[in-house]
Amino acid sequence: MTTPNELKQDAIDSAGILGMLAAPKFESGEDYLPVSGKVFGREEMRLAVEAVLDGWWTEGRFTKELETLLCAFLVGSKDVAMVNSGSSANLLALAALKELRNLPEGGEIITSALAFPTT
């Protein structure tokens, strides 16, 4: 009899095979890498399916793992917070700036014209 864990592992392994077969061949320095779009390989497909099968559609163990790795990589950082979009990142950055610099209510903050718009 097949167990749920065995079925889960089969799905993850199958996703890895699909990712390996579907991924375009890429030679560094030779092939074009698009700045947008998707380029998934074996490991990305496996981890994406694993995250879904964990039941976490937003923050889960992979998010926590990345936050920990980024915090170690960014020397001097005590905290890293993943967000769902560029708009949320901008909102968080501006809120932190206002709080840390004690900016007055209604004060002006000049930002880049090349940013994620939000409504």
PDB file of N, CA and C in Angstrom:
ATOM      1  N   MET A   1       0.840  -1.183   0.000  1.00  0.00           N
ATOM      2  CA  MET A   1       0.000   0.000   0.000  1.00  0.00           C
ATOM      3  C   MET A   1       0.888   1.251   0.000  1.00  0.00           C
ATOM      4  N   THR A   2       0.482   2.234  -0.757  1.00  0.00           N
ATOM      5  CA  THR A   2       1.219   3.487  -0.845  1.00  0.00           C
ATOM      6  C   THR A   2       0.788   4.423   0.276  1.00  0.00           C
ATOM      7  N   THR A   3       1.778   5.001   0.956  1.00  0.00           N
ATOM      8  CA  THR A   3       1.484   5.922   2.061  1.00  0.00           C
ATOM      9  C   THR A   3       1.435   7.359   1.538  1.00  0.00           C
ATOM     10  N   PRO A   4       0.823   8.263   2.305  1.00  0.00           N
ATOM     11  CA  PRO A   4       0.812   9.671   1.898  1.00  0.00           C
ATOM     12  C   PRO A   4       2.220  10.240   1.700  1.00  0.00           C
ATOM     13  N   ASN A   5       3.159   9.865   2.569  1.00  0.00           N
ATOM     14  CA  ASN A   5       4.532  10.360   2.419  1.00  0.00           C
ATOM     15  C   ASN A   5       5.185   9.850   1.140  1.00  0.00           C
ATOM     16  N   GLU A   6       4.890   8.607   0.776  1.00  0.00           N
ATOM     17  CA  GLU A   6       5.430   8.055  -0.477  1.00  0.00           C
ATOM     18  C   GLU A   6       4.843   8.779  -1.684  1.00  0.00           C
ATOM     19  N   LEU A   7       3.541   9.054  -1.641  1.00  0.00           N
ATOM     20  CA  LEU A   7       2.904   9.797  -2.735  1.00  0.00           C
ATOM     21  C   LEU A   7       3.483  11.202  -2.844  1.00  0.00           C
ATOM     22  N   LYS A   8       3.703  11.843  -1.704  1.00  0.00           N
ATOM     23  CA  LYS A   8       4.292  13.182  -1.689  1.00  0.00           C
ATOM     24  C   LYS A   8       5.673  13.148  -2.328  1.00  0.00           C
ATOM     25  N   GLN A   9       6.498  12.168  -1.935  1.00  0.00           N
ATOM     26  CA  GLN A   9       7.845  12.069  -2.490  1.00  0.00           C
ATOM     27  C   GLN A   9       7.803  11.778  -3.988  1.00  0.00           C
ATOM     28  N   ASP A  10       6.862  10.948  -4.428  1.00  0.00           N
ATOM     29  CA  ASP A  10       6.701  10.672  -5.866  1.00  0.00           C
ATOM     30  C   ASP A  10       6.370  11.954  -6.627  1.00  0.00           C
ATOM     31  N   ALA A  11       5.481  12.782  -6.061  1.00  0.00           N
ATOM     32  CA  ALA A  11       5.102  14.041  -6.712  1.00  0.00           C
ATOM     33  C   ALA A  11       6.303  14.979  -6.806  1.00  0.00           C
ATOM     34  N   ILE A  12       7.083  15.061  -5.736  1.00  0.00           N
ATOM     35  CA  ILE A  12       8.272  15.921  -5.725  1.00  0.00           C
ATOM     36  C   ILE A  12       9.290  15.427  -6.747  1.00  0.00           C
ATOM     37  N   ASP A  13       9.526  14.123  -6.768  1.00  0.00           N
ATOM     38  CA  ASP A  13      10.482  13.550  -7.725  1.00  0.00           C
ATOM     39  C   ASP A  13      10.013  13.753  -9.165  1.00  0.00           C
ATOM     40  N   SER A  14       8.716  13.565  -9.411  1.00  0.00           N
ATOM     41  CA  SER A  14       8.168  13.766 -10.762  1.00  0.00           C
ATOM     42  C   SER A  14       8.310  15.217 -11.200  1.00  0.00           C
ATOM     43  N   ALA A  15       8.080  16.141 -10.281  1.00  0.00           N
ATOM     44  CA  ALA A  15       8.244  17.564 -10.603  1.00  0.00           C
ATOM     45  C   ALA A  15       9.695  17.859 -10.960  1.00  0.00           C
ATOM     46  N   GLY A  16      10.623  17.226 -10.255  1.00  0.00           N
ATOM     47  CA  GLY A  16      12.035  17.403 -10.564  1.00  0.00           C
ATOM     48  C   GLY A  16      12.381  16.908 -11.951  1.00  0.00           C
ATOM     49  N   ILE A  17      11.834  15.769 -12.316  1.00  0.00           N
ATOM     50  CA  ILE A  17      12.073  15.226 -13.659  1.00  0.00           C
ATOM     51  C   ILE A  17      11.482  16.158 -14.709  1.00  0.00           C
ATOM     52  N   LEU A  18      10.261  16.635 -14.477  1.00  0.00           N
ATOM     53  CA  LEU A  18       9.629  17.580 -15.401  1.00  0.00           C
ATOM     54  C   LEU A  18      10.481  18.837 -15.548  1.00  0.00           C
ATOM     55  N   GLY A  19      10.946  19.375 -14.436  1.00  0.00           N
ATOM     56  CA  GLY A  19      11.787  20.567 -14.479  1.00  0.00           C
ATOM     57  C   GLY A  19      13.065  20.337 -15.254  1.00  0.00           C
ATOM     58  N   MET A  20      13.656  19.167 -15.083  1.00  0.00           N
ATOM     59  CA  MET A  20      14.893  18.832 -15.779  1.00  0.00           C
ATOM     60  C   MET A  20      14.653  18.709 -17.284  1.00  0.00           C
ATOM     61  N   LEU A  21      13.548  18.079 -17.658  1.00  0.00           N
ATOM     62  CA  LEU A  21      13.242  17.884 -19.079  1.00  0.00           C
ATOM     63  C   LEU A  21      12.785  19.172 -19.755  1.00  0.00           C
ATOM     64  N   ALA A  22      12.060  20.010 -19.016  1.00  0.00           N
ATOM     65  CA  ALA A  22      11.489  21.226 -19.603  1.00  0.00           C
ATOM     66  C   ALA A  22      12.462  22.400 -19.610  1.00  0.00           C
ATOM     67  N   ALA A  23      13.474  22.351 -18.750  1.00  0.00           N
ATOM     68  CA  ALA A  23      14.403  23.482 -18.647  1.00  0.00           C
ATOM     69  C   ALA A  23      15.229  23.613 -19.924  1.00  0.00           C
ATOM     70  N   PRO A  24      15.306  24.822 -20.448  1.00  0.00           N
ATOM     71  CA  PRO A  24      16.143  25.017 -21.632  1.00  0.00           C
ATOM     72  C   PRO A  24      17.616  24.873 -21.258  1.00  0.00           C
ATOM     73  N   LYS A  25      18.392  24.390 -22.195  1.00  0.00           N
ATOM     74  CA  LYS A  25      19.832  24.281 -21.980  1.00  0.00           C
ATOM     75  C   LYS A  25      20.377  25.698 -21.812  1.00  0.00           C
ATOM     76  N   PHE A  26      21.247  25.884 -20.845  1.00  0.00           N
ATOM     77  CA  PHE A  26      21.814  27.211 -20.615  1.00  0.00           C
ATOM     78  C   PHE A  26      23.314  27.103 -20.440  1.00  0.00           C
ATOM     79  N   GLU A  27      24.038  27.827 -21.257  1.00  0.00           N
ATOM     80  CA  GLU A  27      25.494  27.891 -21.186  1.00  0.00           C
ATOM     81  C   GLU A  27      25.882  29.310 -20.787  1.00  0.00           C
ATOM     82  N   SER A  28      26.462  29.443 -19.598  1.00  0.00           N
ATOM     83  CA  SER A  28      26.852  30.758 -19.093  1.00  0.00           C
ATOM     84  C   SER A  28      27.801  31.450 -20.063  1.00  0.00           C
ATOM     85  N   GLY A  29      27.489  32.709 -20.362  1.00  0.00           N
ATOM     86  CA  GLY A  29      28.302  33.482 -21.293  1.00  0.00           C
ATOM     87  C   GLY A  29      27.940  33.274 -22.745  1.00  0.00           C
ATOM     88  N   GLU A  30      27.100  32.286 -23.005  1.00  0.00           N
ATOM     89  CA  GLU A  30      26.701  31.962 -24.377  1.00  0.00           C
ATOM     90  C   GLU A  30      25.224  32.257 -24.632  1.00  0.00           C
ATOM     91  N   ASP A  31      24.392  31.818 -23.713  1.00  0.00           N
ATOM     92  CA  ASP A  31      22.948  31.891 -23.915  1.00  0.00           C
ATOM     93  C   ASP A  31      22.348  33.135 -23.268  1.00  0.00           C
ATOM     94  N   TYR A  32      21.217  33.563 -23.822  1.00  0.00           N
ATOM     95  CA  TYR A  32      20.476  34.726 -23.345  1.00  0.00           C
ATOM     96  C   TYR A  32      19.669  34.339 -22.114  1.00  0.00           C
ATOM     97  N   LEU A  33      19.741  35.145 -21.073  1.00  0.00           N
ATOM     98  CA  LEU A  33      18.952  34.939 -19.871  1.00  0.00           C
ATOM     99  C   LEU A  33      17.996  36.119 -19.743  1.00  0.00           C
ATOM    100  N   PRO A  34      16.683  35.898 -19.882  1.00  0.00           N
ATOM    101  CA  PRO A  34      15.734  37.017 -19.836  1.00  0.00           C
ATOM    102  C   PRO A  34      15.695  37.666 -18.456  1.00  0.00           C
ATOM    103  N   VAL A  35      15.508  38.986 -18.444  1.00  0.00           N
ATOM    104  CA  VAL A  35      15.417  39.698 -17.166  1.00  0.00           C
ATOM    105  C   VAL A  35      14.060  39.492 -16.508  1.00  0.00           C
ATOM    106  N   SER A  36      13.089  39.062 -17.279  1.00  0.00           N
ATOM    107  CA  SER A  36      11.792  38.722 -16.708  1.00  0.00           C
ATOM    108  C   SER A  36      11.344  37.415 -17.341  1.00  0.00           C
ATOM    109  N   GLY A  37      10.369  36.832 -16.762  1.00  0.00           N
ATOM    110  CA  GLY A  37       9.919  35.535 -17.247  1.00  0.00           C
ATOM    111  C   GLY A  37      10.398  34.464 -16.292  1.00  0.00           C
ATOM    112  N   LYS A  38      10.214  33.243 -16.678  1.00  0.00           N
ATOM    113  CA  LYS A  38      10.568  32.152 -15.773  1.00  0.00           C
ATOM    114  C   LYS A  38      11.601  31.224 -16.406  1.00  0.00           C
ATOM    115  N   VAL A  39      12.539  30.832 -15.611  1.00  0.00           N
ATOM    116  CA  VAL A  39      13.527  29.838 -16.004  1.00  0.00           C
ATOM    117  C   VAL A  39      13.645  28.888 -14.818  1.00  0.00           C
ATOM    118  N   PHE A  40      12.927  27.780 -14.888  1.00  0.00           N
ATOM    119  CA  PHE A  40      12.917  26.800 -13.807  1.00  0.00           C
ATOM    120  C   PHE A  40      13.666  25.562 -14.247  1.00  0.00           C
ATOM    121  N   GLY A  41      14.402  24.997 -13.345  1.00  0.00           N
ATOM    122  CA  GLY A  41      15.074  23.729 -13.581  1.00  0.00           C
ATOM    123  C   GLY A  41      14.570  22.689 -12.602  1.00  0.00           C
ATOM    124  N   ARG A  42      15.338  21.621 -12.490  1.00  0.00           N
ATOM    125  CA  ARG A  42      14.955  20.487 -11.655  1.00  0.00           C
ATOM    126  C   ARG A  42      14.704  20.900 -10.202  1.00  0.00           C
ATOM    127  N   GLU A  43      15.680  21.560  -9.588  1.00  0.00           N
ATOM    128  CA  GLU A  43      15.580  21.865  -8.159  1.00  0.00           C
ATOM    129  C   GLU A  43      14.464  22.869  -7.860  1.00  0.00           C
ATOM    130  N   GLU A  44      14.286  23.864  -8.726  1.00  0.00           N
ATOM    131  CA  GLU A  44      13.214  24.845  -8.507  1.00  0.00           C
ATOM    132  C   GLU A  44      11.843  24.171  -8.553  1.00  0.00           C
ATOM    133  N   MET A  45      11.648  23.264  -9.510  1.00  0.00           N
ATOM    134  CA  MET A  45      10.357  22.569  -9.616  1.00  0.00           C
ATOM    135  C   MET A  45      10.115  21.682  -8.394  1.00  0.00           C
ATOM    136  N   ARG A  46      11.150  20.972  -7.969  1.00  0.00           N
ATOM    137  CA  ARG A  46      11.015  20.104  -6.799  1.00  0.00           C
ATOM    138  C   ARG A  46      10.624  20.918  -5.561  1.00  0.00           C
ATOM    139  N   LEU A  47      11.333  22.022  -5.338  1.00  0.00           N
ATOM    140  CA  LEU A  47      11.073  22.820  -4.138  1.00  0.00           C
ATOM    141  C   LEU A  47       9.723  23.528  -4.197  1.00  0.00           C
ATOM    142  N   ALA A  48       9.299  23.940  -5.387  1.00  0.00           N
ATOM    143  CA  ALA A  48       7.985  24.585  -5.523  1.00  0.00           C
ATOM    144  C   ALA A  48       6.873  23.600  -5.159  1.00  0.00           C
ATOM    145  N   VAL A  49       6.970  22.384  -5.685  1.00  0.00           N
ATOM    146  CA  VAL A  49       5.957  21.365  -5.376  1.00  0.00           C
ATOM    147  C   VAL A  49       6.024  20.990  -3.895  1.00  0.00           C
ATOM    148  N   GLU A  50       7.230  20.891  -3.363  1.00  0.00           N
ATOM    149  CA  GLU A  50       7.375  20.568  -1.942  1.00  0.00           C
ATOM    150  C   GLU A  50       6.729  21.641  -1.062  1.00  0.00           C
ATOM    151  N   ALA A  51       6.910  22.908  -1.422  1.00  0.00           N
ATOM    152  CA  ALA A  51       6.298  24.000  -0.656  1.00  0.00           C
ATOM    153  C   ALA A  51       4.775  23.911  -0.713  1.00  0.00           C
ATOM    154  N   VAL A  52       4.235  23.637  -1.884  1.00  0.00           N
ATOM    155  CA  VAL A  52       2.779  23.511  -2.023  1.00  0.00           C
ATOM    156  C   VAL A  52       2.269  22.328  -1.198  1.00  0.00           C
ATOM    157  N   LEU A  53       2.974  21.210  -1.272  1.00  0.00           N
ATOM    158  CA  LEU A  53       2.535  20.029  -0.528  1.00  0.00           C
ATOM    159  C   LEU A  53       2.696  20.196   0.984  1.00  0.00           C
ATOM    160  N   ASP A  54       3.531  21.137   1.406  1.00  0.00           N
ATOM    161  CA  ASP A  54       3.616  21.471   2.832  1.00  0.00           C
ATOM    162  C   ASP A  54       2.348  22.177   3.300  1.00  0.00           C
ATOM    163  N   GLY A  55       1.582  22.733   2.335  1.00  0.00           N
ATOM    164  CA  GLY A  55       0.354  23.434   2.685  1.00  0.00           C
ATOM    165  C   GLY A  55       0.550  24.908   2.969  1.00  0.00           C
ATOM    166  N   TRP A  56       1.749  25.429   2.733  1.00  0.00           N
ATOM    167  CA  TRP A  56       2.022  26.844   2.961  1.00  0.00           C
ATOM    168  C   TRP A  56       1.999  27.567   1.634  1.00  0.00           C
ATOM    169  N   TRP A  57       1.000  28.396   1.430  1.00  0.00           N
ATOM    170  CA  TRP A  57       0.875  29.136   0.176  1.00  0.00           C
ATOM    171  C   TRP A  57       1.562  30.491   0.268  1.00  0.00           C
ATOM    172  N   THR A  58       1.893  30.902   1.469  1.00  0.00           N
ATOM    173  CA  THR A  58       2.589  32.182   1.654  1.00  0.00           C
ATOM    174  C   THR A  58       3.884  31.894   2.400  1.00  0.00           C
ATOM    175  N   GLU A  59       4.048  32.438   3.589  1.00  0.00           N
ATOM    176  CA  GLU A  59       5.274  32.189   4.348  1.00  0.00           C
ATOM    177  C   GLU A  59       5.282  30.778   4.908  1.00  0.00           C
ATOM    178  N   GLY A  60       6.382  30.102   4.693  1.00  0.00           N
ATOM    179  CA  GLY A  60       6.560  28.759   5.226  1.00  0.00           C
ATOM    180  C   GLY A  60       8.014  28.549   5.583  1.00  0.00           C
ATOM    181  N   ARG A  61       8.411  27.290   5.653  1.00  0.00           N
ATOM    182  CA  ARG A  61       9.777  26.998   6.089  1.00  0.00           C
ATOM    183  C   ARG A  61      10.825  27.497   5.107  1.00  0.00           C
ATOM    184  N   PHE A  62      10.490  27.549   3.816  1.00  0.00           N
ATOM    185  CA  PHE A  62      11.458  28.043   2.838  1.00  0.00           C
ATOM    186  C   PHE A  62      11.675  29.551   3.000  1.00  0.00           C
ATOM    187  N   THR A  63      10.622  30.266   3.358  1.00  0.00           N
ATOM    188  CA  THR A  63      10.746  31.704   3.609  1.00  0.00           C
ATOM    189  C   THR A  63      11.654  31.941   4.807  1.00  0.00           C
ATOM    190  N   LYS A  64      11.413  31.207   5.876  1.00  0.00           N
ATOM    191  CA  LYS A  64      12.235  31.351   7.086  1.00  0.00           C
ATOM    192  C   LYS A  64      13.691  31.004   6.791  1.00  0.00           C
ATOM    193  N   GLU A  65      13.908  29.970   5.992  1.00  0.00           N
ATOM    194  CA  GLU A  65      15.271  29.570   5.634  1.00  0.00           C
ATOM    195  C   GLU A  65      15.972  30.678   4.848  1.00  0.00           C
ATOM    196  N   LEU A  66      15.263  31.271   3.881  1.00  0.00           N
ATOM    197  CA  LEU A  66      15.850  32.352   3.087  1.00  0.00           C
ATOM    198  C   LEU A  66      16.130  33.580   3.950  1.00  0.00           C
ATOM    199  N   GLU A  67      15.213  33.920   4.848  1.00  0.00           N
ATOM    200  CA  GLU A  67      15.436  35.062   5.743  1.00  0.00           C
ATOM    201  C   GLU A  67      16.693  34.850   6.591  1.00  0.00           C
ATOM    202  N   THR A  68      16.875  33.647   7.095  1.00  0.00           N
ATOM    203  CA  THR A  68      18.052  33.331   7.909  1.00  0.00           C
ATOM    204  C   THR A  68      19.331  33.440   7.090  1.00  0.00           C
ATOM    205  N   LEU A  69      19.311  32.888   5.867  1.00  0.00           N
ATOM    206  CA  LEU A  69      20.492  32.951   4.997  1.00  0.00           C
ATOM    207  C   LEU A  69      20.817  34.389   4.603  1.00  0.00           C
ATOM    208  N   LEU A  70      19.790  35.174   4.278  1.00  0.00           N
ATOM    209  CA  LEU A  70      20.020  36.572   3.909  1.00  0.00           C
ATOM    210  C   LEU A  70      20.570  37.374   5.083  1.00  0.00           C
ATOM    211  N   CYS A  71      20.065  37.110   6.262  1.00  0.00           N
ATOM    212  CA  CYS A  71      20.530  37.819   7.454  1.00  0.00           C
ATOM    213  C   CYS A  71      22.014  37.528   7.689  1.00  0.00           C
ATOM    214  N   ALA A  72      22.434  36.297   7.482  1.00  0.00           N
ATOM    215  CA  ALA A  72      23.845  35.935   7.638  1.00  0.00           C
ATOM    216  C   ALA A  72      24.692  36.563   6.535  1.00  0.00           C
ATOM    217  N   PHE A  73      24.144  36.635   5.324  1.00  0.00           N
ATOM    218  CA  PHE A  73      24.863  37.192   4.175  1.00  0.00           C
ATOM    219  C   PHE A  73      25.041  38.702   4.302  1.00  0.00           C
ATOM    220  N   LEU A  74      24.011  39.382   4.787  1.00  0.00           N
ATOM    221  CA  LEU A  74      24.047  40.836   4.944  1.00  0.00           C
ATOM    222  C   LEU A  74      24.680  41.166   6.287  1.00  0.00           C
ATOM    223  N   VAL A  75      25.984  41.257   6.301  1.00  0.00           N
ATOM    224  CA  VAL A  75      26.742  41.457   7.533  1.00  0.00           C
ATOM    225  C   VAL A  75      26.217  42.679   8.291  1.00  0.00           C
ATOM    226  N   GLY A  76      25.965  42.491   9.560  1.00  0.00           N
ATOM    227  CA  GLY A  76      25.474  43.581  10.395  1.00  0.00           C
ATOM    228  C   GLY A  76      23.961  43.638  10.489  1.00  0.00           C
ATOM    229  N   SER A  77      23.272  42.833   9.700  1.00  0.00           N
ATOM    230  CA  SER A  77      21.805  42.826   9.749  1.00  0.00           C
ATOM    231  C   SER A  77      21.324  41.921  10.868  1.00  0.00           C
ATOM    232  N   LYS A  78      20.353  42.413  11.630  1.00  0.00           N
ATOM    233  CA  LYS A  78      19.763  41.611  12.695  1.00  0.00           C
ATOM    234  C   LYS A  78      18.482  40.934  12.230  1.00  0.00           C
ATOM    235  N   ASP A  79      17.811  41.548  11.263  1.00  0.00           N
ATOM    236  CA  ASP A  79      16.525  41.033  10.810  1.00  0.00           C
ATOM    237  C   ASP A  79      16.398  41.169   9.304  1.00  0.00           C
ATOM    238  N   VAL A  80      15.680  40.240   8.719  1.00  0.00           N
ATOM    239  CA  VAL A  80      15.301  40.290   7.309  1.00  0.00           C
ATOM    240  C   VAL A  80      13.827  39.910   7.261  1.00  0.00           C
ATOM    241  N   ALA A  81      13.042  40.639   6.487  1.00  0.00           N
ATOM    242  CA  ALA A  81      11.615  40.335   6.361  1.00  0.00           C
ATOM    243  C   ALA A  81      11.258  40.177   4.891  1.00  0.00           C
ATOM    244  N   MET A  82      10.765  39.015   4.539  1.00  0.00           N
ATOM    245  CA  MET A  82      10.287  38.789   3.180  1.00  0.00           C
ATOM    246  C   MET A  82       8.876  39.366   3.076  1.00  0.00           C
ATOM    247  N   VAL A  83       8.563  39.946   1.921  1.00  0.00           N
ATOM    248  CA  VAL A  83       7.230  40.489   1.679  1.00  0.00           C
ATOM    249  C   VAL A  83       6.717  39.950   0.354  1.00  0.00           C
ATOM    250  N   ASN A  84       5.449  40.188   0.070  1.00  0.00           N
ATOM    251  CA  ASN A  84       4.818  39.592  -1.101  1.00  0.00           C
ATOM    252  C   ASN A  84       4.976  40.386  -2.388  1.00  0.00           C
ATOM    253  N   SER A  85       5.460  41.631  -2.308  1.00  0.00           N
ATOM    254  CA  SER A  85       5.536  42.435  -3.528  1.00  0.00           C
ATOM    255  C   SER A  85       6.469  43.623  -3.340  1.00  0.00           C
ATOM    256  N   GLY A  86       6.800  44.258  -4.448  1.00  0.00           N
ATOM    257  CA  GLY A  86       7.598  45.478  -4.403  1.00  0.00           C
ATOM    258  C   GLY A  86       6.861  46.598  -3.701  1.00  0.00           C
ATOM    259  N   SER A  87       5.548  46.652  -3.873  1.00  0.00           N
ATOM    260  CA  SER A  87       4.743  47.673  -3.187  1.00  0.00           C
ATOM    261  C   SER A  87       4.841  47.512  -1.678  1.00  0.00           C
ATOM    262  N   SER A  88       4.733  46.276  -1.214  1.00  0.00           N
ATOM    263  CA  SER A  88       4.850  46.019   0.225  1.00  0.00           C
ATOM    264  C   SER A  88       6.251  46.334   0.724  1.00  0.00           C
ATOM    265  N   ALA A  89       7.259  46.034  -0.087  1.00  0.00           N
ATOM    266  CA  ALA A  89       8.643  46.348   0.295  1.00  0.00           C
ATOM    267  C   ALA A  89       8.826  47.853   0.444  1.00  0.00           C
ATOM    268  N   ASN A  90       8.293  48.620  -0.508  1.00  0.00           N
ATOM    269  CA  ASN A  90       8.392  50.082  -0.419  1.00  0.00           C
ATOM    270  C   ASN A  90       7.661  50.615   0.808  1.00  0.00           C
ATOM    271  N   LEU A  91       6.466  50.104   1.061  1.00  0.00           N
ATOM    272  CA  LEU A  91       5.694  50.539   2.225  1.00  0.00           C
ATOM    273  C   LEU A  91       6.453  50.245   3.516  1.00  0.00           C
ATOM    274  N   LEU A  92       7.024  49.057   3.613  1.00  0.00           N
ATOM    275  CA  LEU A  92       7.790  48.674   4.791  1.00  0.00           C
ATOM    276  C   LEU A  92       9.036  49.548   4.955  1.00  0.00           C
ATOM    277  N   ALA A  93       9.729  49.809   3.851  1.00  0.00           N
ATOM    278  CA  ALA A  93      10.934  50.645   3.898  1.00  0.00           C
ATOM    279  C   ALA A  93      10.606  52.067   4.347  1.00  0.00           C
ATOM    280  N   LEU A  94       9.542  52.633   3.803  1.00  0.00           N
ATOM    281  CA  LEU A  94       9.164  54.002   4.175  1.00  0.00           C
ATOM    282  C   LEU A  94       8.672  54.079   5.620  1.00  0.00           C
ATOM    283  N   ALA A  95       7.937  53.069   6.061  1.00  0.00           N
ATOM    284  CA  ALA A  95       7.476  53.047   7.456  1.00  0.00           C
ATOM    285  C   ALA A  95       8.668  52.942   8.407  1.00  0.00           C
ATOM    286  N   ALA A  96       9.646  52.110   8.047  1.00  0.00           N
ATOM    287  CA  ALA A  96      10.843  51.974   8.882  1.00  0.00           C
ATOM    288  C   ALA A  96      11.636  53.275   8.897  1.00  0.00           C
ATOM    289  N   LEU A  97      11.769  53.901   7.738  1.00  0.00           N
ATOM    290  CA  LEU A  97      12.493  55.172   7.650  1.00  0.00           C
ATOM    291  C   LEU A  97      11.823  56.235   8.520  1.00  0.00           C
ATOM    292  N   LYS A  98      10.505  56.314   8.434  1.00  0.00           N
ATOM    293  CA  LYS A  98       9.753  57.295   9.226  1.00  0.00           C
ATOM    294  C   LYS A  98       9.952  57.041  10.722  1.00  0.00           C
ATOM    295  N   GLU A  99       9.891  55.776  11.105  1.00  0.00           N
ATOM    296  CA  GLU A  99      10.040  55.415  12.521  1.00  0.00           C
ATOM    297  C   GLU A  99      11.464  55.660  13.021  1.00  0.00           C
ATOM    298  N   LEU A 100      12.450  55.187  12.273  1.00  0.00           N
ATOM    299  CA  LEU A 100      13.846  55.278  12.719  1.00  0.00           C
ATOM    300  C   LEU A 100      14.392  56.703  12.691  1.00  0.00           C
ATOM    301  N   ARG A 101      13.905  57.506  11.761  1.00  0.00           N
ATOM    302  CA  ARG A 101      14.409  58.878  11.632  1.00  0.00           C
ATOM    303  C   ARG A 101      13.474  59.902  12.263  1.00  0.00           C
ATOM    304  N   ASN A 102      12.399  59.393  12.896  1.00  0.00           N
ATOM    305  CA  ASN A 102      11.442  60.260  13.586  1.00  0.00           C
ATOM    306  C   ASN A 102      10.945  61.390  12.680  1.00  0.00           C
ATOM    307  N   LEU A 103      10.583  61.024  11.463  1.00  0.00           N
ATOM    308  CA  LEU A 103      10.102  62.023  10.504  1.00  0.00           C
ATOM    309  C   LEU A 103       8.720  62.521  10.920  1.00  0.00           C
ATOM    310  N   PRO A 104       8.455  63.799  10.705  1.00  0.00           N
ATOM    311  CA  PRO A 104       7.158  64.351  11.120  1.00  0.00           C
ATOM    312  C   PRO A 104       6.013  63.827  10.252  1.00  0.00           C
ATOM    313  N   GLU A 105       4.839  63.773  10.846  1.00  0.00           N
ATOM    314  CA  GLU A 105       3.634  63.374  10.114  1.00  0.00           C
ATOM    315  C   GLU A 105       3.429  64.330   8.952  1.00  0.00           C
ATOM    316  N   GLY A 106       3.198  63.804   7.752  1.00  0.00           N
ATOM    317  CA  GLY A 106       2.995  64.634   6.570  1.00  0.00           C
ATOM    318  C   GLY A 106       4.292  65.124   5.957  1.00  0.00           C
ATOM    319  N   GLY A 107       5.424  64.686   6.506  1.00  0.00           N
ATOM    320  CA  GLY A 107       6.724  65.075   5.957  1.00  0.00           C
ATOM    321  C   GLY A 107       6.925  64.490   4.567  1.00  0.00           C
ATOM    322  N   GLU A 108       7.884  65.009   3.861  1.00  0.00           N
ATOM    323  CA  GLU A 108       8.127  64.593   2.481  1.00  0.00           C
ATOM    324  C   GLU A 108       9.314  63.640   2.411  1.00  0.00           C
ATOM    325  N   ILE A 109       9.126  62.555   1.690  1.00  0.00           N
ATOM    326  CA  ILE A 109      10.205  61.605   1.434  1.00  0.00           C
ATOM    327  C   ILE A 109      10.338  61.494  -0.076  1.00  0.00           C
ATOM    328  N   ILE A 110      11.513  61.745  -0.581  1.00  0.00           N
ATOM    329  CA  ILE A 110      11.753  61.660  -2.023  1.00  0.00           C
ATOM    330  C   ILE A 110      12.256  60.258  -2.342  1.00  0.00           C
ATOM    331  N   THR A 111      11.604  59.622  -3.297  1.00  0.00           N
ATOM    332  CA  THR A 111      11.995  58.265  -3.689  1.00  0.00           C
ATOM    333  C   THR A 111      12.327  58.238  -5.170  1.00  0.00           C
ATOM    334  N   SER A 112      12.798  57.110  -5.605  1.00  0.00           N
ATOM    335  CA  SER A 112      13.135  56.913  -7.005  1.00  0.00           C
ATOM    336  C   SER A 112      11.868  56.943  -7.864  1.00  0.00           C
ATOM    337  N   ALA A 113      12.000  57.488  -9.064  1.00  0.00           N
ATOM    338  CA  ALA A 113      10.873  57.461  -9.999  1.00  0.00           C
ATOM    339  C   ALA A 113      10.678  56.051 -10.547  1.00  0.00           C
ATOM    340  N   LEU A 114      11.708  55.236 -10.439  1.00  0.00           N
ATOM    341  CA  LEU A 114      11.637  53.853 -10.908  1.00  0.00           C
ATOM    342  C   LEU A 114      11.355  52.949  -9.723  1.00  0.00           C
ATOM    343  N   ALA A 115      10.094  52.866  -9.359  1.00  0.00           N
ATOM    344  CA  ALA A 115       9.700  52.071  -8.203  1.00  0.00           C
ATOM    345  C   ALA A 115       8.386  51.370  -8.516  1.00  0.00           C
ATOM    346  N   PHE A 116       8.005  50.474  -7.642  1.00  0.00           N
ATOM    347  CA  PHE A 116       6.743  49.772  -7.816  1.00  0.00           C
ATOM    348  C   PHE A 116       5.595  50.670  -7.365  1.00  0.00           C
ATOM    349  N   PRO A 117       4.664  50.984  -8.247  1.00  0.00           N
ATOM    350  CA  PRO A 117       3.526  51.807  -7.840  1.00  0.00           C
ATOM    351  C   PRO A 117       2.559  50.977  -6.994  1.00  0.00           C
ATOM    352  N   THR A 118       1.825  51.642  -6.177  1.00  0.00           N
ATOM    353  CA  THR A 118       0.831  50.960  -5.361  1.00  0.00           C
ATOM    354  C   THR A 118      -0.421  51.831  -5.292  1.00  0.00           C
ATOM    355  N   THR A 119      -1.527  51.224  -4.987  1.00  0.00           N
ATOM    356  CA  THR A 119      -2.774  51.986  -4.904  1.00  0.00           C
ATOM    357  C   THR A 119      -3.246  52.090  -3.477  1.00  0.00           C
TER     358      THR A 119
END
